[in-house]
């Protein structure tokens, strides 16, 4: 049975440290899809020899660089696709947030079938094993993630540096990328489509959905957003009350976080946490109290505030198997070092057979044009 929960929209709360900078109306206005055309999509090939993968662990896995033409730009977009044997299973498109965060962090750190984390390391500190995820979303659906916009991950603009992206241009490009993916994997287009993301996915996901509906190029059945940012100029998620939401969640759901630090923040910040202020805009007494609270949160996992991380900082869950591990995807952790390897890039069809110098993998690219939504 395939879950129907994907058809629901979940909009949760975003951590206070989330970078946000856009305003999106409930109707999203009417985005104008820019002239775009997907070109030959013979890219992507089966993943057969991924270092550290268990035997037969990559059956039905495909990866590679999709050639895409968008406006007057030639793009190479890296994607990872896990097909499903059941033709009636839906297709899930997964999107991490940022803006400008690689969705490989979700694929290999949260919900994909193979996880790269602190437990993957051998005695010399290199990745020696990928872990099979018993709770992978690919057990009930075909699952694809791509790195966007170009400049993120292995994706790039072929003819030189990319222009600065914004919400509208990245959404239009994502529609074309989806169509290029369908060109490479034709049977995927026959599946029901669900678009799901987290954090800045609260902007990415609905805008891609609007574009897909406008083009009529997919059987879109639902969207989902977790821990969602829906815009800076509104309340909720990463909006004007994000600091108040953070403190409220810690008060109710994180018993391990100091009650004293939380009460000090409340006492020092009357009327300041729900007004859209950035941390540097707080009054000195409020800023000091929030700084103390943030320092304590450095010992907790930002995706599970009640779970301590240990002395080395954010995100270990004690066993090294969580997304935000101290040795996790960000901050010079396990995933960047794994994806930097030439043998890994060759297995993922990022490097050609005659290429020996690994490409740079960019976990997050914050080059974003104010995240302005243009109607």
Protein backbone atom coordinates (compact mmCIF):
# COMPACT_ATOMS: atom_id res chain seq x y z
CA UNK A 1 0.00 0.00 0.00
CA UNK A 2 1.37 3.40 -0.95
CA UNK A 3 0.99 6.14 1.60
CA UNK A 4 -1.67 8.77 0.96
CA UNK A 5 -0.14 11.12 3.47
CA UNK A 6 1.98 12.57 0.69
CA UNK A 7 -1.13 14.23 -0.66
CA UNK A 8 -1.43 16.37 2.44
CA UNK A 9 0.40 19.61 2.96
CA UNK A 10 2.45 19.73 6.12
CA UNK A 11 3.84 23.12 7.05
CA UNK A 12 5.84 23.00 10.26
CA UNK A 13 8.06 25.43 12.03
CA UNK A 14 11.50 26.51 10.89
CA UNK A 15 14.53 26.85 13.12
CA UNK A 16 15.42 30.44 13.96
CA UNK A 17 18.76 30.14 12.23
CA UNK A 18 17.10 29.41 8.88
CA UNK A 19 18.06 31.96 6.23
CA UNK A 20 14.91 33.34 4.63
CA UNK A 21 14.31 36.24 2.34
CA UNK A 22 11.17 35.99 0.32
CA UNK A 23 7.52 36.84 0.46
CA UNK A 24 5.06 34.50 -1.19
CA UNK A 25 1.33 35.15 -1.26
CA UNK A 26 -1.17 32.40 -0.63
CA UNK A 27 -2.03 32.30 -4.30
CA UNK A 28 1.64 32.63 -5.28
CA UNK A 29 0.35 35.17 -7.80
CA UNK A 30 0.76 33.85 -11.34
CA UNK A 31 4.35 33.07 -12.15
CA UNK A 32 5.44 33.62 -15.69
CA UNK A 33 7.39 30.63 -16.84
CA UNK A 34 10.41 31.83 -18.72
CA UNK A 35 11.14 30.46 -22.16
CA UNK A 36 12.87 27.18 -21.55
CA UNK A 37 13.54 23.96 -23.39
CA UNK A 38 14.87 20.63 -22.23
CA UNK A 39 17.40 19.13 -24.58
CA UNK A 40 18.65 15.60 -25.19
CA UNK A 41 18.36 13.74 -21.94
CA UNK A 42 20.51 10.72 -22.52
CA UNK A 43 22.32 11.61 -19.30
CA UNK A 44 22.16 9.45 -16.25
CA UNK A 45 23.07 5.79 -16.03
CA UNK A 46 22.67 2.93 -13.58
CA UNK A 47 24.72 3.21 -10.41
CA UNK A 48 26.60 -0.08 -10.23
CA UNK A 49 29.80 0.41 -8.24
CA UNK A 50 29.15 3.08 -5.62
CA UNK A 51 31.96 2.86 -3.05
CA UNK A 52 30.76 1.61 0.31
CA UNK A 53 27.36 0.44 -0.91
CA UNK A 54 26.24 -3.01 0.26
CA UNK A 55 25.99 -5.82 -2.31
CA UNK A 56 23.09 -5.15 -4.66
CA UNK A 57 22.45 -1.98 -2.70
CA UNK A 58 22.09 0.20 -5.79
CA UNK A 59 19.76 -1.91 -7.89
CA UNK A 60 17.35 0.42 -9.69
CA UNK A 61 19.52 3.45 -8.80
CA UNK A 62 20.41 5.96 -11.52
CA UNK A 63 22.49 9.14 -11.40
CA UNK A 64 24.20 11.60 -13.65
CA UNK A 65 24.18 15.06 -15.18
CA UNK A 66 21.06 16.08 -17.09
CA UNK A 67 21.78 18.47 -19.98
CA UNK A 68 19.22 21.27 -19.81
CA UNK A 69 18.79 24.43 -21.83
CA UNK A 70 17.12 27.21 -19.88
CA UNK A 71 16.61 30.61 -21.44
CA UNK A 72 20.01 31.13 -23.10
CA UNK A 73 21.93 29.05 -20.58
CA UNK A 74 23.20 25.51 -20.90
CA UNK A 75 22.97 23.69 -17.59
CA UNK A 76 24.22 20.37 -16.29
CA UNK A 77 21.98 19.27 -13.43
CA UNK A 78 23.01 16.43 -11.17
CA UNK A 79 20.25 14.08 -10.06
CA UNK A 80 19.88 10.80 -8.17
CA UNK A 81 16.94 8.55 -8.96
CA UNK A 82 15.75 5.39 -7.23
CA UNK A 83 13.18 3.62 -9.38
CA UNK A 84 10.44 1.37 -8.00
CA UNK A 85 9.48 -2.07 -9.28
CA UNK A 86 5.76 -1.41 -8.82
CA UNK A 87 4.48 0.59 -11.79
CA UNK A 88 1.61 1.93 -9.66
CA UNK A 89 3.93 3.44 -7.05
CA UNK A 90 4.08 7.25 -7.14
CA UNK A 91 7.09 9.39 -7.97
CA UNK A 92 8.33 11.63 -5.16
CA UNK A 93 10.48 14.64 -6.00
CA UNK A 94 12.48 15.64 -2.92
CA UNK A 95 13.82 19.16 -2.35
CA UNK A 96 16.04 20.42 0.46
CA UNK A 97 15.82 24.11 1.30
CA UNK A 98 18.45 26.78 1.83
CA UNK A 99 17.76 28.54 -0.42
CA UNK A 100 20.50 26.93 -2.41
CA UNK A 101 21.01 23.74 -0.37
CA UNK A 102 21.85 20.47 -2.08
CA UNK A 103 19.07 17.90 -2.04
CA UNK A 104 21.74 15.19 -1.81
CA UNK A 105 21.81 16.05 1.90
CA UNK A 106 18.28 14.68 2.11
CA UNK A 107 18.90 11.79 -0.25
CA UNK A 108 22.02 10.56 1.58
CA UNK A 109 21.33 11.95 5.04
CA UNK A 110 17.63 11.70 5.72
CA UNK A 111 15.24 9.71 3.54
CA UNK A 112 17.11 7.90 0.78
CA UNK A 113 17.86 4.17 0.75
CA UNK A 114 21.60 4.59 1.48
CA UNK A 115 22.83 6.87 4.26
CA UNK A 116 26.26 8.44 4.71
CA UNK A 117 26.92 9.43 8.32
CA UNK A 118 29.29 9.13 11.23
CA UNK A 119 28.85 5.36 11.35
CA UNK A 120 30.17 5.14 7.79
CA UNK A 121 33.72 6.03 8.82
CA UNK A 122 36.57 3.58 9.06
CA UNK A 123 39.57 3.79 11.39
CA UNK A 124 41.35 6.21 9.08
CA UNK A 125 38.37 8.59 8.96
CA UNK A 126 37.33 7.76 5.40
CA UNK A 127 33.91 6.45 4.40
CA UNK A 128 34.00 2.67 4.17
CA UNK A 129 30.30 1.81 4.25
CA UNK A 130 26.91 3.23 3.36
CA UNK A 131 24.03 2.25 5.61
CA UNK A 132 20.79 0.81 4.35
CA UNK A 133 17.87 2.92 5.55
CA UNK A 134 15.00 0.72 6.70
CA UNK A 135 12.70 3.74 6.60
CA UNK A 136 13.62 5.03 3.16
CA UNK A 137 10.88 6.71 1.22
CA UNK A 138 11.98 4.64 -1.76
CA UNK A 139 10.33 1.60 -0.17
CA UNK A 140 6.93 2.95 -1.20
CA UNK A 141 7.69 5.26 -4.09
CA UNK A 142 10.12 6.03 -6.87
CA UNK A 143 12.32 8.79 -5.47
CA UNK A 144 14.30 11.50 -7.24
CA UNK A 145 16.27 14.51 -6.07
CA UNK A 146 18.26 16.99 -8.11
CA UNK A 147 20.69 19.74 -7.15
CA UNK A 148 19.34 23.19 -7.88
CA UNK A 149 19.72 25.90 -8.87
CA UNK A 150 22.80 25.41 -11.03
CA UNK A 151 25.84 26.22 -8.90
CA UNK A 152 24.65 23.95 -6.10
CA UNK A 153 26.16 20.50 -5.60
CA UNK A 154 27.55 19.18 -8.88
CA UNK A 155 25.10 21.19 -10.98
CA UNK A 156 26.56 24.02 -13.01
CA UNK A 157 26.14 26.47 -15.85
CA UNK A 158 28.23 25.03 -18.68
CA UNK A 159 29.34 28.22 -20.37
CA UNK A 160 30.55 30.14 -17.32
CA UNK A 161 29.35 31.39 -13.96
CA UNK A 162 25.61 31.33 -13.45
CA UNK A 163 23.62 34.50 -13.13
CA UNK A 164 22.21 35.16 -9.67
CA UNK A 165 19.07 33.09 -9.19
CA UNK A 166 15.82 34.13 -7.55
CA UNK A 167 12.65 32.28 -6.59
CA UNK A 168 10.96 32.76 -9.93
CA UNK A 169 13.88 31.83 -12.16
CA UNK A 170 14.74 28.77 -10.09
CA UNK A 171 11.10 27.62 -10.16
CA UNK A 172 10.96 27.98 -13.94
CA UNK A 173 14.24 26.08 -14.28
CA UNK A 174 12.93 23.31 -11.99
CA UNK A 175 9.98 22.74 -14.31
CA UNK A 176 12.39 22.25 -17.20
CA UNK A 177 14.63 20.00 -15.11
CA UNK A 178 11.65 17.80 -14.27
CA UNK A 179 10.80 17.55 -17.97
CA UNK A 180 14.43 16.66 -18.77
CA UNK A 181 14.27 13.96 -16.12
CA UNK A 182 11.12 12.59 -17.72
CA UNK A 183 12.96 12.60 -21.03
CA UNK A 184 15.67 10.41 -19.52
CA UNK A 185 13.26 8.13 -17.62
CA UNK A 186 10.08 7.98 -19.65
CA UNK A 187 8.20 5.53 -17.44
CA UNK A 188 8.52 7.93 -14.49
CA UNK A 189 6.13 10.30 -16.23
CA UNK A 190 3.42 7.63 -16.03
CA UNK A 191 3.50 7.73 -12.23
CA UNK A 192 1.46 9.97 -9.98
CA UNK A 193 3.69 12.84 -8.85
CA UNK A 194 4.19 14.23 -5.36
CA UNK A 195 6.57 17.15 -4.76
CA UNK A 196 7.91 17.26 -1.20
CA UNK A 197 10.51 19.36 0.60
CA UNK A 198 11.63 20.89 3.84
CA UNK A 199 12.60 24.33 5.12
CA UNK A 200 12.91 26.63 2.07
CA UNK A 201 11.00 23.90 0.29
CA UNK A 202 8.03 25.88 1.57
CA UNK A 203 8.85 28.21 -1.33
CA UNK A 204 10.41 25.74 -3.80
CA UNK A 205 7.66 23.13 -3.62
CA UNK A 206 4.51 25.18 -4.27
CA UNK A 207 6.21 27.27 -6.94
CA UNK A 208 7.34 24.15 -8.80
CA UNK A 209 3.81 22.75 -8.42
CA UNK A 210 2.31 25.89 -9.96
CA UNK A 211 4.74 25.60 -12.88
CA UNK A 212 3.94 21.91 -13.39
CA UNK A 213 0.22 22.62 -13.41
CA UNK A 214 0.71 25.46 -15.88
CA UNK A 215 2.63 23.22 -18.26
CA UNK A 216 0.41 20.16 -17.77
CA UNK A 217 3.52 18.03 -18.04
CA UNK A 218 3.00 15.68 -15.09
CA UNK A 219 0.33 13.85 -13.11
CA UNK A 220 0.67 16.04 -10.04
CA UNK A 221 -1.37 14.60 -7.16
CA UNK A 222 -0.07 16.43 -4.11
CA UNK A 223 2.64 18.40 -2.37
CA UNK A 224 4.15 18.23 1.09
CA UNK A 225 6.25 20.66 3.13
CA UNK A 226 7.89 19.89 6.46
CA UNK A 227 9.48 22.45 8.77
CA UNK A 228 8.51 24.92 6.11
CA UNK A 229 9.57 28.43 5.31
CA UNK A 230 6.70 30.15 3.53
CA UNK A 231 8.13 33.67 3.37
CA UNK A 232 9.75 36.29 5.54
CA UNK A 233 6.95 38.87 5.42
CA UNK A 234 4.28 36.68 7.01
CA UNK A 235 3.91 34.96 10.37
CA UNK A 236 4.65 31.27 10.73
CA UNK A 237 7.65 29.14 9.91
CA UNK A 238 10.57 31.38 9.10
CA UNK A 239 8.51 34.58 9.10
CA UNK A 240 8.05 37.49 11.43
CA UNK A 241 7.49 35.34 14.51
CA UNK A 242 10.25 32.80 13.88
CA UNK A 243 12.19 33.56 17.07
CA UNK A 244 9.03 33.33 19.16
CA UNK A 245 8.14 30.04 17.47
CA UNK A 246 11.60 28.70 18.25
CA UNK A 247 11.36 29.54 21.95
CA UNK A 248 7.80 28.18 22.14
CA UNK A 249 8.83 24.86 20.61
CA UNK A 250 11.77 24.52 22.99
CA UNK A 251 9.53 25.29 25.96
CA UNK A 252 7.02 22.61 25.00
CA UNK A 253 8.99 19.90 23.28
CA UNK A 254 12.63 20.05 24.39
CA UNK A 255 12.88 19.16 28.09
CA UNK A 256 16.65 18.82 27.82
CA UNK A 257 17.08 22.50 27.00
CA UNK A 258 17.74 24.70 30.03
CA UNK A 259 14.53 26.09 31.51
CA UNK A 260 16.58 28.95 32.88
CA UNK A 261 17.89 29.95 29.46
CA UNK A 262 14.38 29.89 28.06
CA UNK A 263 12.87 31.94 30.91
CA UNK A 264 15.74 34.44 30.63
CA UNK A 265 14.98 34.85 26.92
CA UNK A 266 11.31 35.45 27.63
CA UNK A 267 12.07 37.97 30.36
CA UNK A 268 14.65 39.87 28.31
CA UNK A 269 12.69 40.01 25.05
CA UNK A 270 9.13 41.24 25.65
CA UNK A 271 7.55 42.17 22.35
CA UNK A 272 10.70 41.47 20.31
CA UNK A 273 10.51 37.86 19.20
CA UNK A 274 7.45 38.13 16.97
CA UNK A 275 8.20 41.33 15.08
CA UNK A 276 10.42 40.05 12.29
CA UNK A 277 13.69 41.18 13.84
CA UNK A 278 16.88 39.44 12.87
CA UNK A 279 19.10 38.44 15.82
CA UNK A 280 21.43 41.40 15.26
CA UNK A 281 18.47 43.78 15.43
CA UNK A 282 17.43 42.79 18.95
CA UNK A 283 18.00 45.08 21.93
CA UNK A 284 21.25 44.42 23.80
CA UNK A 285 19.56 42.61 26.69
CA UNK A 286 17.42 40.48 24.40
CA UNK A 287 20.35 39.77 22.08
CA UNK A 288 22.48 38.61 25.00
CA UNK A 289 19.77 36.27 26.28
CA UNK A 290 19.15 34.81 22.83
CA UNK A 291 22.88 34.41 22.26
CA UNK A 292 23.10 32.35 25.47
CA UNK A 293 20.19 30.23 24.27
CA UNK A 294 21.76 29.68 20.85
CA UNK A 295 25.03 28.63 22.49
CA UNK A 296 23.19 25.97 24.43
CA UNK A 297 21.40 24.82 21.30
CA UNK A 298 24.79 24.17 19.75
CA UNK A 299 24.73 20.94 21.77
CA UNK A 300 21.40 19.82 20.31
CA UNK A 301 20.20 18.55 16.97
CA UNK A 302 18.41 21.28 15.03
CA UNK A 303 16.01 18.67 13.63
CA UNK A 304 15.27 17.20 17.06
CA UNK A 305 15.82 19.77 19.79
CA UNK A 306 15.26 17.27 22.60
CA UNK A 307 18.16 15.13 21.44
CA UNK A 308 21.58 16.00 22.75
CA UNK A 309 24.51 15.96 20.35
CA UNK A 310 27.47 15.59 22.61
CA UNK A 311 30.46 17.76 23.30
CA UNK A 312 31.40 18.31 19.67
CA UNK A 313 28.31 20.33 18.83
CA UNK A 314 25.25 20.11 16.76
CA UNK A 315 23.58 16.94 15.78
CA UNK A 316 25.06 13.60 16.81
CA UNK A 317 22.05 11.88 18.40
CA UNK A 318 24.75 10.04 20.31
CA UNK A 319 25.39 7.45 17.57
CA UNK A 320 26.51 9.50 14.60
CA UNK A 321 23.60 8.37 12.46
CA UNK A 322 21.52 11.54 12.29
CA UNK A 323 21.26 14.09 9.48
CA UNK A 324 22.74 16.96 11.50
CA UNK A 325 25.57 14.97 13.04
CA UNK A 326 28.68 16.73 14.27
CA UNK A 327 30.29 14.66 11.53
CA UNK A 328 27.31 15.12 9.27
CA UNK A 329 26.63 16.62 5.86
CA UNK A 330 27.54 20.22 6.67
CA UNK A 331 30.54 21.85 8.30
CA UNK A 332 33.22 19.74 6.67
CA UNK A 333 31.48 16.51 7.58
CA UNK A 334 31.14 13.06 6.14
CA UNK A 335 29.01 13.65 3.04
CA UNK A 336 31.19 16.43 1.54
CA UNK A 337 34.32 14.34 1.95
CA UNK A 338 32.60 11.32 0.42
CA UNK A 339 31.26 13.22 -2.59
CA UNK A 340 34.67 14.85 -3.14
CA UNK A 341 36.21 11.50 -4.04
CA UNK A 342 36.98 10.75 -7.68
CA UNK A 343 35.82 7.12 -7.40
CA UNK A 344 32.49 8.24 -5.97
CA UNK A 345 32.02 10.89 -8.65
CA UNK A 346 32.84 8.36 -11.34
CA UNK A 347 30.28 5.92 -9.93
CA UNK A 348 27.70 8.73 -9.93
CA UNK A 349 28.56 9.58 -13.56
CA UNK A 350 29.77 13.04 -12.63
CA UNK A 351 33.29 12.35 -13.91
CA UNK A 352 33.92 10.90 -17.32
CA UNK A 353 36.10 7.85 -17.79
CA UNK A 354 39.04 10.00 -18.86
CA UNK A 355 38.67 12.61 -16.11
CA UNK A 356 40.86 12.30 -13.04
CA UNK A 357 40.35 15.58 -11.19
CA UNK A 358 37.24 15.53 -8.97
CA UNK A 359 34.70 18.28 -9.37
CA UNK A 360 33.89 20.53 -6.44
CA UNK A 361 30.67 19.66 -4.62
CA UNK A 362 28.86 22.67 -3.11
CA UNK A 363 26.56 21.76 -0.22
CA UNK A 364 25.03 25.22 -0.12
CA UNK A 365 25.24 28.24 -2.39
CA UNK A 366 23.76 31.38 -0.87
CA UNK A 367 24.16 33.55 -3.99
CA UNK A 368 20.52 34.57 -4.07
CA UNK A 369 19.04 37.77 -5.42
CA UNK A 370 17.09 38.88 -2.35
CA UNK A 371 14.70 36.00 -2.95
CA UNK A 372 12.26 38.37 -4.61
CA UNK A 373 9.15 36.91 -6.16
CA UNK A 374 8.45 38.48 -9.55
CA UNK A 375 4.91 38.10 -10.87
